[in-house]
Structure formats: C-alpha cells, structure tokens
Amino acid sequence: ITEPEPHYLLRNRVNAAIAGVKHLVPDMRAANDARFDVLVEMAFQMGVDGLAKFTNTLRAVRERRWDDAADGMLASLWAKQTPGRAKELAKIMRNGS
C-alpha cells in the first residue's frame, strides 16, 4: 500500500459517513455542527447501517429533542461496548458543543 492510499481510503470512509448522516437526517438544520459531527463519528464507527438502527435517537435529533437523543445513545449496546466514547458523544449531543 502506498503512502497516499490510506489517506484516500480514510477520506472515502469519512465522506460516506457524512453522506449517510445527511440521508438519515435530511434536515440538518435540526442539528448544529457539533451534533452533526457526533452522528458522523457514530456512522464512521458503526457504519451508516449501524447508525440507522438508532431509530429513536435519529427521530429525537430530527425533532430537536437533544436529551432524548443522548439518552437513546446511552441506552444502546454500542454504549455498553464503547462506554467512554458513548458518554462523551452523548454529552455533546445534549449540550451542542
């Protein structure tokens, strides 16, 4: 693998995560940049299909119910598997920064 290839692969995965979040939450006016980045990070980690399973969390994001979105994140298997990351991202989802 050449030196530019991992950067290319990373950029493609990040772009796929961004596109996936925009597909799952088309009205991104419901989220600020920090909250959008939380969803992108989750999509990058779990894949867009994995994030899509967070139906209640995504509904809460679309409805701007940030505490409910954070609670949904923390009630997941993902949060049990990656508790530190989940707590930090839920905190950002809650307060928007």
PDB file of N, CA and C in Angstrom:
ATOM      1  N   ILE A   1       0.868  -1.178   0.000  1.00  0.00           N
ATOM      2  CA  ILE A   1       0.000   0.000   0.000  1.00  0.00           C
ATOM      3  C   ILE A   1       0.912   1.238   0.000  1.00  0.00           C
ATOM      4  N   THR A   2       0.624   2.133  -0.883  1.00  0.00           N
ATOM      5  CA  THR A   2       1.441   3.343  -0.982  1.00  0.00           C
ATOM      6  C   THR A   2       0.998   4.355   0.064  1.00  0.00           C
ATOM      7  N   GLU A   3       1.828   5.345   0.307  1.00  0.00           N
ATOM      8  CA  GLU A   3       1.524   6.336   1.336  1.00  0.00           C
ATOM      9  C   GLU A   3       0.217   7.096   1.089  1.00  0.00           C
ATOM     10  N   PRO A   4      -0.126   7.486  -0.144  1.00  0.00           N
ATOM     11  CA  PRO A   4      -1.384   8.220  -0.341  1.00  0.00           C
ATOM     12  C   PRO A   4      -2.641   7.352  -0.169  1.00  0.00           C
ATOM     13  N   GLU A   5      -2.505   6.044  -0.299  1.00  0.00           N
ATOM     14  CA  GLU A   5      -3.689   5.186  -0.287  1.00  0.00           C
ATOM     15  C   GLU A   5      -4.456   5.208   1.035  1.00  0.00           C
ATOM     16  N   PRO A   6      -3.820   5.150   2.192  1.00  0.00           N
ATOM     17  CA  PRO A   6      -4.626   5.196   3.421  1.00  0.00           C
ATOM     18  C   PRO A   6      -5.388   6.512   3.582  1.00  0.00           C
ATOM     19  N   HIS A   7      -4.799   7.607   3.117  1.00  0.00           N
ATOM     20  CA  HIS A   7      -5.494   8.903   3.185  1.00  0.00           C
ATOM     21  C   HIS A   7      -6.718   8.897   2.272  1.00  0.00           C
ATOM     22  N   TYR A   8      -6.558   8.293   1.118  1.00  0.00           N
ATOM     23  CA  TYR A   8      -7.664   8.170   0.167  1.00  0.00           C
ATOM     24  C   TYR A   8      -8.789   7.327   0.788  1.00  0.00           C
ATOM     25  N   LEU A   9      -8.422   6.196   1.388  1.00  0.00           N
ATOM     26  CA  LEU A   9      -9.420   5.320   1.998  1.00  0.00           C
ATOM     27  C   LEU A   9     -10.130   6.008   3.167  1.00  0.00           C
ATOM     28  N   LEU A  10      -9.364   6.692   3.995  1.00  0.00           N
ATOM     29  CA  LEU A  10      -9.948   7.413   5.124  1.00  0.00           C
ATOM     30  C   LEU A  10     -10.910   8.485   4.646  1.00  0.00           C
ATOM     31  N   ARG A  11     -10.482   9.256   3.663  1.00  0.00           N
ATOM     32  CA  ARG A  11     -11.334  10.328   3.122  1.00  0.00           C
ATOM     33  C   ARG A  11     -12.634   9.738   2.568  1.00  0.00           C
ATOM     34  N   ASN A  12     -12.551   8.601   1.893  1.00  0.00           N
ATOM     35  CA  ASN A  12     -13.752   7.966   1.352  1.00  0.00           C
ATOM     36  C   ASN A  12     -14.693   7.505   2.462  1.00  0.00           C
ATOM     37  N   ARG A  13     -14.132   6.939   3.541  1.00  0.00           N
ATOM     38  CA  ARG A  13     -14.972   6.487   4.660  1.00  0.00           C
ATOM     39  C   ARG A  13     -15.632   7.664   5.357  1.00  0.00           C
ATOM     40  N   VAL A  14     -14.898   8.740   5.543  1.00  0.00           N
ATOM     41  CA  VAL A  14     -15.474   9.925   6.172  1.00  0.00           C
ATOM     42  C   VAL A  14     -16.575  10.502   5.283  1.00  0.00           C
ATOM     43  N   ASN A  15     -16.321  10.601   3.993  1.00  0.00           N
ATOM     44  CA  ASN A  15     -17.330  11.127   3.065  1.00  0.00           C
ATOM     45  C   ASN A  15     -18.577  10.244   3.042  1.00  0.00           C
ATOM     46  N   ALA A  16     -18.395   8.924   3.122  1.00  0.00           N
ATOM     47  CA  ALA A  16     -19.538   8.010   3.162  1.00  0.00           C
ATOM     48  C   ALA A  16     -20.335   8.213   4.445  1.00  0.00           C
ATOM     49  N   ALA A  17     -19.650   8.434   5.564  1.00  0.00           N
ATOM     50  CA  ALA A  17     -20.337   8.679   6.835  1.00  0.00           C
ATOM     51  C   ALA A  17     -21.127   9.986   6.768  1.00  0.00           C
ATOM     52  N   ILE A  18     -20.532  11.017   6.216  1.00  0.00           N
ATOM     53  CA  ILE A  18     -21.218  12.314   6.077  1.00  0.00           C
ATOM     54  C   ILE A  18     -22.453  12.169   5.200  1.00  0.00           C
ATOM     55  N   ALA A  19     -22.298  11.509   4.059  1.00  0.00           N
ATOM     56  CA  ALA A  19     -23.438  11.308   3.153  1.00  0.00           C
ATOM     57  C   ALA A  19     -24.529  10.488   3.825  1.00  0.00           C
ATOM     58  N   GLY A  20     -24.133   9.482   4.583  1.00  0.00           N
ATOM     59  CA  GLY A  20     -25.109   8.657   5.284  1.00  0.00           C
ATOM     60  C   GLY A  20     -25.898   9.440   6.313  1.00  0.00           C
ATOM     61  N   VAL A  21     -25.219  10.284   7.068  1.00  0.00           N
ATOM     62  CA  VAL A  21     -25.916  11.103   8.064  1.00  0.00           C
ATOM     63  C   VAL A  21     -26.868  12.068   7.370  1.00  0.00           C
ATOM     64  N   LYS A  22     -26.436  12.658   6.274  1.00  0.00           N
ATOM     65  CA  LYS A  22     -27.321  13.571   5.541  1.00  0.00           C
ATOM     66  C   LYS A  22     -28.544  12.839   5.003  1.00  0.00           C
ATOM     67  N   HIS A  23     -28.379  11.571   4.663  1.00  0.00           N
ATOM     68  CA  HIS A  23     -29.509  10.767   4.194  1.00  0.00           C
ATOM     69  C   HIS A  23     -30.453  10.440   5.361  1.00  0.00           C
ATOM     70  N   LEU A  24     -29.884  10.078   6.510  1.00  0.00           N
ATOM     71  CA  LEU A  24     -30.702   9.697   7.664  1.00  0.00           C
ATOM     72  C   LEU A  24     -31.384  10.891   8.327  1.00  0.00           C
ATOM     73  N   VAL A  25     -30.736  12.052   8.278  1.00  0.00           N
ATOM     74  CA  VAL A  25     -31.293  13.273   8.876  1.00  0.00           C
ATOM     75  C   VAL A  25     -31.213  14.362   7.810  1.00  0.00           C
ATOM     76  N   PRO A  26     -32.146  14.304   6.833  1.00  0.00           N
ATOM     77  CA  PRO A  26     -32.053  15.234   5.699  1.00  0.00           C
ATOM     78  C   PRO A  26     -32.101  16.704   6.094  1.00  0.00           C
ATOM     79  N   ASP A  27     -32.851  17.029   7.133  1.00  0.00           N
ATOM     80  CA  ASP A  27     -32.967  18.418   7.558  1.00  0.00           C
ATOM     81  C   ASP A  27     -31.926  18.692   8.636  1.00  0.00           C
ATOM     82  N   MET A  28     -30.697  18.911   8.219  1.00  0.00           N
ATOM     83  CA  MET A  28     -29.630  19.107   9.193  1.00  0.00           C
ATOM     84  C   MET A  28     -29.725  20.446   9.908  1.00  0.00           C
ATOM     85  N   ARG A  29     -30.739  21.253   9.585  1.00  0.00           N
ATOM     86  CA  ARG A  29     -30.978  22.454  10.387  1.00  0.00           C
ATOM     87  C   ARG A  29     -31.376  22.056  11.803  1.00  0.00           C
ATOM     88  N   ALA A  30     -31.771  20.779  11.979  1.00  0.00           N
ATOM     89  CA  ALA A  30     -32.150  20.289  13.305  1.00  0.00           C
ATOM     90  C   ALA A  30     -30.940  20.089  14.206  1.00  0.00           C
ATOM     91  N   ALA A  31     -29.756  20.111  13.628  1.00  0.00           N
ATOM     92  CA  ALA A  31     -28.553  19.864  14.433  1.00  0.00           C
ATOM     93  C   ALA A  31     -27.489  20.898  14.095  1.00  0.00           C
ATOM     94  N   ASN A  32     -26.729  21.300  15.089  1.00  0.00           N
ATOM     95  CA  ASN A  32     -25.605  22.185  14.813  1.00  0.00           C
ATOM     96  C   ASN A  32     -24.408  21.337  14.377  1.00  0.00           C
ATOM     97  N   ASP A  33     -23.277  21.978  14.099  1.00  0.00           N
ATOM     98  CA  ASP A  33     -22.112  21.243  13.610  1.00  0.00           C
ATOM     99  C   ASP A  33     -21.636  20.193  14.606  1.00  0.00           C
ATOM    100  N   ALA A  34     -21.633  20.518  15.890  1.00  0.00           N
ATOM    101  CA  ALA A  34     -21.154  19.560  16.887  1.00  0.00           C
ATOM    102  C   ALA A  34     -22.037  18.318  16.917  1.00  0.00           C
ATOM    103  N   ARG A  35     -23.337  18.506  16.872  1.00  0.00           N
ATOM    104  CA  ARG A  35     -24.254  17.369  16.890  1.00  0.00           C
ATOM    105  C   ARG A  35     -24.159  16.580  15.589  1.00  0.00           C
ATOM    106  N   PHE A  36     -24.023  17.265  14.495  1.00  0.00           N
ATOM    107  CA  PHE A  36     -23.824  16.590  13.210  1.00  0.00           C
ATOM    108  C   PHE A  36     -22.558  15.739  13.269  1.00  0.00           C
ATOM    109  N   ASP A  37     -21.493  16.291  13.827  1.00  0.00           N
ATOM    110  CA  ASP A  37     -20.232  15.557  13.940  1.00  0.00           C
ATOM    111  C   ASP A  37     -20.377  14.315  14.814  1.00  0.00           C
ATOM    112  N   VAL A  38     -21.214  14.377  15.846  1.00  0.00           N
ATOM    113  CA  VAL A  38     -21.479  13.198  16.674  1.00  0.00           C
ATOM    114  C   VAL A  38     -22.046  12.087  15.801  1.00  0.00           C
ATOM    115  N   LEU A  39     -23.028  12.425  14.988  1.00  0.00           N
ATOM    116  CA  LEU A  39     -23.647  11.412  14.136  1.00  0.00           C
ATOM    117  C   LEU A  39     -22.656  10.879  13.106  1.00  0.00           C
ATOM    118  N   VAL A  40     -21.809  11.752  12.567  1.00  0.00           N
ATOM    119  CA  VAL A  40     -20.795  11.309  11.603  1.00  0.00           C
ATOM    120  C   VAL A  40     -19.823  10.352  12.283  1.00  0.00           C
ATOM    121  N   GLU A  41     -19.405  10.676  13.501  1.00  0.00           N
ATOM    122  CA  GLU A  41     -18.488   9.789  14.210  1.00  0.00           C
ATOM    123  C   GLU A  41     -19.131   8.434  14.476  1.00  0.00           C
ATOM    124  N   MET A  42     -20.401   8.438  14.849  1.00  0.00           N
ATOM    125  CA  MET A  42     -21.100   7.175  15.066  1.00  0.00           C
ATOM    126  C   MET A  42     -21.209   6.381  13.770  1.00  0.00           C
ATOM    127  N   ALA A  43     -21.525   7.058  12.669  1.00  0.00           N
ATOM    128  CA  ALA A  43     -21.626   6.384  11.372  1.00  0.00           C
ATOM    129  C   ALA A  43     -20.272   5.847  10.922  1.00  0.00           C
ATOM    130  N   PHE A  44     -19.213   6.578  11.214  1.00  0.00           N
ATOM    131  CA  PHE A  44     -17.872   6.126  10.866  1.00  0.00           C
ATOM    132  C   PHE A  44     -17.525   4.868  11.668  1.00  0.00           C
ATOM    133  N   GLN A  45     -17.863   4.869  12.947  1.00  0.00           N
ATOM    134  CA  GLN A  45     -17.523   3.736  13.805  1.00  0.00           C
ATOM    135  C   GLN A  45     -18.365   2.503  13.491  1.00  0.00           C
ATOM    136  N   MET A  46     -19.682   2.689  13.352  1.00  0.00           N
ATOM    137  CA  MET A  46     -20.597   1.550  13.219  1.00  0.00           C
ATOM    138  C   MET A  46     -21.047   1.301  11.796  1.00  0.00           C
ATOM    139  N   GLY A  47     -20.723   2.217  10.910  1.00  0.00           N
ATOM    140  CA  GLY A  47     -21.278   2.167   9.567  1.00  0.00           C
ATOM    141  C   GLY A  47     -22.619   2.878   9.551  1.00  0.00           C
ATOM    142  N   VAL A  48     -23.008   3.332   8.393  1.00  0.00           N
ATOM    143  CA  VAL A  48     -24.289   4.036   8.262  1.00  0.00           C
ATOM    144  C   VAL A  48     -25.440   3.106   8.619  1.00  0.00           C
ATOM    145  N   ASP A  49     -25.336   1.839   8.226  1.00  0.00           N
ATOM    146  CA  ASP A  49     -26.396   0.882   8.556  1.00  0.00           C
ATOM    147  C   ASP A  49     -26.519   0.698  10.065  1.00  0.00           C
ATOM    148  N   GLY A  50     -25.394   0.709  10.773  1.00  0.00           N
ATOM    149  CA  GLY A  50     -25.432   0.607  12.228  1.00  0.00           C
ATOM    150  C   GLY A  50     -26.103   1.816  12.853  1.00  0.00           C
ATOM    151  N   LEU A  51     -25.750   3.004  12.381  1.00  0.00           N
ATOM    152  CA  LEU A  51     -26.381   4.218  12.886  1.00  0.00           C
ATOM    153  C   LEU A  51     -27.868   4.233  12.566  1.00  0.00           C
ATOM    154  N   ALA A  52     -28.245   3.721  11.419  1.00  0.00           N
ATOM    155  CA  ALA A  52     -29.654   3.716  11.012  1.00  0.00           C
ATOM    156  C   ALA A  52     -30.528   2.929  11.986  1.00  0.00           C
ATOM    157  N   LYS A  53     -29.937   2.012  12.737  1.00  0.00           N
ATOM    158  CA  LYS A  53     -30.695   1.229  13.718  1.00  0.00           C
ATOM    159  C   LYS A  53     -31.070   2.058  14.949  1.00  0.00           C
ATOM    160  N   PHE A  54     -30.487   3.236  15.099  1.00  0.00           N
ATOM    161  CA  PHE A  54     -30.803   4.129  16.212  1.00  0.00           C
ATOM    162  C   PHE A  54     -32.041   4.958  15.853  1.00  0.00           C
ATOM    163  N   THR A  55     -33.141   4.283  15.563  1.00  0.00           N
ATOM    164  CA  THR A  55     -34.330   4.969  15.046  1.00  0.00           C
ATOM    165  C   THR A  55     -34.873   6.015  16.018  1.00  0.00           C
ATOM    166  N   ASN A  56     -34.950   5.668  17.299  1.00  0.00           N
ATOM    167  CA  ASN A  56     -35.481   6.630  18.277  1.00  0.00           C
ATOM    168  C   ASN A  56     -34.538   7.816  18.443  1.00  0.00           C
ATOM    169  N   THR A  57     -33.239   7.551  18.466  1.00  0.00           N
ATOM    170  CA  THR A  57     -32.255   8.628  18.587  1.00  0.00           C
ATOM    171  C   THR A  57     -32.337   9.551  17.386  1.00  0.00           C
ATOM    172  N   LEU A  58     -32.416   8.974  16.193  1.00  0.00           N
ATOM    173  CA  LEU A  58     -32.475   9.795  14.984  1.00  0.00           C
ATOM    174  C   LEU A  58     -33.776  10.592  14.925  1.00  0.00           C
ATOM    175  N   ARG A  59     -34.866  10.002  15.379  1.00  0.00           N
ATOM    176  CA  ARG A  59     -36.136  10.745  15.432  1.00  0.00           C
ATOM    177  C   ARG A  59     -36.005  11.911  16.399  1.00  0.00           C
ATOM    178  N   ALA A  60     -35.377  11.663  17.541  1.00  0.00           N
ATOM    179  CA  ALA A  60     -35.179  12.737  18.523  1.00  0.00           C
ATOM    180  C   ALA A  60     -34.318  13.853  17.939  1.00  0.00           C
ATOM    181  N   VAL A  61     -33.291  13.510  17.173  1.00  0.00           N
ATOM    182  CA  VAL A  61     -32.459  14.532  16.522  1.00  0.00           C
ATOM    183  C   VAL A  61     -33.305  15.346  15.553  1.00  0.00           C
ATOM    184  N   ARG A  62     -34.086  14.670  14.720  1.00  0.00           N
ATOM    185  CA  ARG A  62     -34.930  15.398  13.749  1.00  0.00           C
ATOM    186  C   ARG A  62     -35.914  16.330  14.449  1.00  0.00           C
ATOM    187  N   GLU A  63     -36.340  15.929  15.661  1.00  0.00           N
ATOM    188  CA  GLU A  63     -37.312  16.724  16.419  1.00  0.00           C
ATOM    189  C   GLU A  63     -36.644  17.662  17.425  1.00  0.00           C
ATOM    190  N   ARG A  64     -35.322  17.731  17.383  1.00  0.00           N
ATOM    191  CA  ARG A  64     -34.534  18.615  18.250  1.00  0.00           C
ATOM    192  C   ARG A  64     -34.718  18.310  19.738  1.00  0.00           C
ATOM    193  N   ARG A  65     -34.927  17.058  20.060  1.00  0.00           N
ATOM    194  CA  ARG A  65     -35.056  16.616  21.449  1.00  0.00           C
ATOM    195  C   ARG A  65     -33.701  16.031  21.856  1.00  0.00           C
ATOM    196  N   TRP A  66     -32.791  16.913  22.198  1.00  0.00           N
ATOM    197  CA  TRP A  66     -31.390  16.524  22.390  1.00  0.00           C
ATOM    198  C   TRP A  66     -31.189  15.601  23.581  1.00  0.00           C
ATOM    199  N   ASP A  67     -31.900  15.824  24.679  1.00  0.00           N
ATOM    200  CA  ASP A  67     -31.758  14.941  25.833  1.00  0.00           C
ATOM    201  C   ASP A  67     -32.232  13.533  25.492  1.00  0.00           C
ATOM    202  N   ASP A  68     -33.343  13.443  24.775  1.00  0.00           N
ATOM    203  CA  ASP A  68     -33.844  12.129  24.373  1.00  0.00           C
ATOM    204  C   ASP A  68     -32.868  11.441  23.420  1.00  0.00           C
ATOM    205  N   ALA A  69     -32.270  12.207  22.521  1.00  0.00           N
ATOM    206  CA  ALA A  69     -31.288  11.634  21.600  1.00  0.00           C
ATOM    207  C   ALA A  69     -30.097  11.087  22.377  1.00  0.00           C
ATOM    208  N   ALA A  70     -29.606  11.858  23.332  1.00  0.00           N
ATOM    209  CA  ALA A  70     -28.470  11.420  24.147  1.00  0.00           C
ATOM    210  C   ALA A  70     -28.844  10.200  24.980  1.00  0.00           C
ATOM    211  N   ASP A  71     -30.032  10.210  25.549  1.00  0.00           N
ATOM    212  CA  ASP A  71     -30.478   9.057  26.340  1.00  0.00           C
ATOM    213  C   ASP A  71     -30.558   7.800  25.473  1.00  0.00           C
ATOM    214  N   GLY A  72     -31.041   7.948  24.254  1.00  0.00           N
ATOM    215  CA  GLY A  72     -31.109   6.816  23.337  1.00  0.00           C
ATOM    216  C   GLY A  72     -29.734   6.273  23.006  1.00  0.00           C
ATOM    217  N   MET A  73     -28.796   7.168  22.819  1.00  0.00           N
ATOM    218  CA  MET A  73     -27.426   6.741  22.555  1.00  0.00           C
ATOM    219  C   MET A  73     -26.892   5.918  23.716  1.00  0.00           C
ATOM    220  N   LEU A  74     -27.133   6.387  24.942  1.00  0.00           N
ATOM    221  CA  LEU A  74     -26.589   5.738  26.128  1.00  0.00           C
ATOM    222  C   LEU A  74     -27.294   4.430  26.479  1.00  0.00           C
ATOM    223  N   ALA A  75     -28.486   4.219  25.947  1.00  0.00           N
ATOM    224  CA  ALA A  75     -29.248   3.002  26.228  1.00  0.00           C
ATOM    225  C   ALA A  75     -28.942   1.878  25.244  1.00  0.00           C
ATOM    226  N   SER A  76     -27.928   2.046  24.432  1.00  0.00           N
ATOM    227  CA  SER A  76     -27.652   1.098  23.350  1.00  0.00           C
ATOM    228  C   SER A  76     -26.543   0.110  23.692  1.00  0.00           C
ATOM    229  N   LEU A  77     -26.491  -0.962  22.921  1.00  0.00           N
ATOM    230  CA  LEU A  77     -25.389  -1.910  23.008  1.00  0.00           C
ATOM    231  C   LEU A  77     -24.068  -1.222  22.678  1.00  0.00           C
ATOM    232  N   TRP A  78     -24.096  -0.312  21.716  1.00  0.00           N
ATOM    233  CA  TRP A  78     -22.908   0.469  21.355  1.00  0.00           C
ATOM    234  C   TRP A  78     -22.332   1.169  22.575  1.00  0.00           C
ATOM    235  N   ALA A  79     -23.195   1.744  23.421  1.00  0.00           N
ATOM    236  CA  ALA A  79     -22.726   2.443  24.621  1.00  0.00           C
ATOM    237  C   ALA A  79     -22.112   1.475  25.617  1.00  0.00           C
ATOM    238  N   LYS A  80     -22.657   0.271  25.680  1.00  0.00           N
ATOM    239  CA  LYS A  80     -22.077  -0.735  26.574  1.00  0.00           C
ATOM    240  C   LYS A  80     -20.700  -1.184  26.065  1.00  0.00           C
ATOM    241  N   GLN A  81     -20.548  -1.230  24.743  1.00  0.00           N
ATOM    242  CA  GLN A  81     -19.296  -1.695  24.152  1.00  0.00           C
ATOM    243  C   GLN A  81     -18.219  -0.617  24.140  1.00  0.00           C
ATOM    244  N   THR A  82     -18.624   0.631  24.019  1.00  0.00           N
ATOM    245  CA  THR A  82     -17.666   1.753  23.988  1.00  0.00           C
ATOM    246  C   THR A  82     -18.159   2.849  24.939  1.00  0.00           C
ATOM    247  N   PRO A  83     -18.148   2.565  26.245  1.00  0.00           N
ATOM    248  CA  PRO A  83     -18.786   3.490  27.190  1.00  0.00           C
ATOM    249  C   PRO A  83     -18.158   4.877  27.243  1.00  0.00           C
ATOM    250  N   GLY A  84     -16.854   4.970  27.169  1.00  0.00           N
ATOM    251  CA  GLY A  84     -16.216   6.284  27.227  1.00  0.00           C
ATOM    252  C   GLY A  84     -16.609   7.158  26.055  1.00  0.00           C
ATOM    253  N   ARG A  85     -16.521   6.587  24.869  1.00  0.00           N
ATOM    254  CA  ARG A  85     -16.892   7.332  23.667  1.00  0.00           C
ATOM    255  C   ARG A  85     -18.370   7.694  23.701  1.00  0.00           C
ATOM    256  N   ALA A  86     -19.205   6.740  24.079  1.00  0.00           N
ATOM    257  CA  ALA A  86     -20.648   6.986  24.102  1.00  0.00           C
ATOM    258  C   ALA A  86     -20.998   8.118  25.066  1.00  0.00           C
ATOM    259  N   LYS A  87     -20.399   8.117  26.255  1.00  0.00           N
ATOM    260  CA  LYS A  87     -20.689   9.178  27.229  1.00  0.00           C
ATOM    261  C   LYS A  87     -20.261  10.545  26.702  1.00  0.00           C
ATOM    262  N   GLU A  88     -19.087  10.594  26.088  1.00  0.00           N
ATOM    263  CA  GLU A  88     -18.590  11.872  25.560  1.00  0.00           C
ATOM    264  C   GLU A  88     -19.483  12.376  24.415  1.00  0.00           C
ATOM    265  N   LEU A  89     -19.842  11.487  23.503  1.00  0.00           N
ATOM    266  CA  LEU A  89     -20.680  11.899  22.376  1.00  0.00           C
ATOM    267  C   LEU A  89     -22.093  12.258  22.837  1.00  0.00           C
ATOM    268  N   ALA A  90     -22.617  11.542  23.824  1.00  0.00           N
ATOM    269  CA  ALA A  90     -23.946  11.876  24.355  1.00  0.00           C
ATOM    270  C   ALA A  90     -23.925  13.254  25.017  1.00  0.00           C
ATOM    271  N   LYS A  91     -22.838  13.564  25.693  1.00  0.00           N
ATOM    272  CA  LYS A  91     -22.690  14.892  26.318  1.00  0.00           C
ATOM    273  C   LYS A  91     -22.718  15.992  25.253  1.00  0.00           C
ATOM    274  N   ILE A  92     -22.025  15.755  24.157  1.00  0.00           N
ATOM    275  CA  ILE A  92     -22.014  16.731  23.058  1.00  0.00           C
ATOM    276  C   ILE A  92     -23.405  16.841  22.444  1.00  0.00           C
ATOM    277  N   MET A  93     -24.094  15.693  22.281  1.00  0.00           N
ATOM    278  CA  MET A  93     -25.448  15.722  21.723  1.00  0.00           C
ATOM    279  C   MET A  93     -26.363  16.528  22.637  1.00  0.00           C
ATOM    280  N   ARG A  94     -26.207  16.375  23.942  1.00  0.00           N
ATOM    281  CA  ARG A  94     -27.055  17.070  24.914  1.00  0.00           C
ATOM    282  C   ARG A  94     -26.852  18.585  24.878  1.00  0.00           C
ATOM    283  N   ASN A  95     -25.574  19.018  24.894  1.00  0.00           N
ATOM    284  CA  ASN A  95     -25.330  20.454  25.039  1.00  0.00           C
ATOM    285  C   ASN A  95     -24.943  21.171  23.735  1.00  0.00           C
ATOM    286  N   GLY A  96     -24.709  20.422  22.686  1.00  0.00           N
ATOM    287  CA  GLY A  96     -24.452  21.048  21.387  1.00  0.00           C
ATOM    288  C   GLY A  96     -23.064  21.626  21.227  1.00  0.00           C
ATOM    289  N   SER A  97     -22.172  21.296  22.130  1.00  0.00           N
ATOM    290  CA  SER A  97     -20.781  21.783  21.984  1.00  0.00           C
ATOM    291  C   SER A  97     -19.818  20.805  22.608  1.00  0.00           C
TER     292      SER A  97
END
